[in-house]
Amino acid sequence: MELVDQIKRARLRARLSQEELAALASISRRPIYLLESGRGAVRLDTLVKILDALGLTLQIHPKSPEA
């Protein structure tokens, strides 16, 4: 599942509007709208604020070696 889908699902599961999530993340609503609609990218620090507000973390793993 893509990161954007996971974020939107977590927001909806928490019964938060984009505006409410923005307030929790201390950002404007626009980055959330851009992210969820696929109309733009957000800065990494903004993404981390969104994830933190949803109780999620971003983890980076090495690529699996191709067989």
Protein backbone atom coordinates (compact mmCIF):
# COMPACT_ATOMS: atom_id res chain seq x y z
CA MET A 1 0.00 0.00 0.00
CA GLU A 2 1.32 3.44 -0.90
CA LEU A 3 2.28 5.95 1.76
CA VAL A 4 -0.40 8.43 0.67
CA ASP A 5 -3.10 5.76 0.92
CA GLN A 6 -1.90 4.83 4.40
CA ILE A 7 -2.00 8.45 5.52
CA LYS A 8 -5.51 9.02 4.19
CA ARG A 9 -6.78 5.77 5.69
CA ALA A 10 -5.27 6.67 9.07
CA ARG A 11 -6.89 10.13 8.92
CA LEU A 12 -10.29 8.67 8.08
CA ARG A 13 -9.94 5.94 10.71
CA ALA A 14 -9.24 8.66 13.27
CA ARG A 15 -12.35 10.49 11.99
CA LEU A 16 -10.35 13.62 11.28
CA SER A 17 -11.04 16.13 8.55
CA GLN A 18 -8.11 17.55 6.64
CA GLU A 19 -8.55 20.76 8.63
CA GLU A 20 -8.46 18.91 11.96
CA LEU A 21 -5.35 16.96 10.96
CA ALA A 22 -3.69 20.18 9.85
CA ALA A 23 -4.40 21.74 13.23
CA LEU A 24 -2.95 18.71 15.05
CA ALA A 25 0.15 18.83 12.84
CA SER A 26 0.50 22.63 13.21
CA ILE A 27 0.45 23.13 9.43
CA SER A 28 -1.99 24.54 6.90
CA ARG A 29 -4.55 22.29 5.21
CA ARG A 30 -3.00 22.76 1.76
CA PRO A 31 -0.14 20.20 2.09
CA ILE A 32 -2.63 17.54 3.22
CA TYR A 33 -4.92 18.32 0.31
CA LEU A 34 -2.00 18.25 -2.16
CA LEU A 35 -0.72 14.98 -0.76
CA GLU A 36 -4.06 13.18 -0.70
CA SER A 37 -5.18 14.45 -4.10
CA GLY A 38 -1.89 13.61 -5.79
CA ARG A 39 -1.61 17.19 -7.06
CA GLY A 40 1.68 18.01 -5.44
CA ALA A 41 4.50 16.98 -3.19
CA VAL A 42 5.15 18.00 0.40
CA ARG A 43 8.40 18.69 2.14
CA LEU A 44 9.83 15.91 4.27
CA ASP A 45 9.51 17.92 7.49
CA THR A 46 5.83 18.55 6.71
CA LEU A 47 5.29 14.87 5.99
CA VAL A 48 6.85 13.97 9.34
CA LYS A 49 4.50 16.41 11.12
CA ILE A 50 1.49 14.79 9.41
CA LEU A 51 2.67 11.30 10.31
CA ASP A 52 3.37 12.32 13.89
CA ALA A 53 -0.10 13.82 14.28
CA LEU A 54 -1.56 10.50 13.11
CA GLY A 55 0.68 8.43 15.40
CA LEU A 56 2.59 7.01 12.44
CA THR A 57 6.32 6.84 11.72
CA LEU A 58 8.36 6.83 8.54
CA GLN A 59 10.81 3.97 8.30
CA ILE A 60 13.47 3.54 5.66
CA HIS A 61 14.70 0.07 4.81
CA PRO A 62 17.41 -1.09 2.44
CA LYS A 63 16.24 -2.56 -0.83
CA SER A 64 15.92 -6.31 -0.91
CA PRO A 65 18.53 -7.92 -3.13
CA GLU A 66 17.04 -9.04 -6.41
CA ALA A 67 16.90 -12.77 -6.87
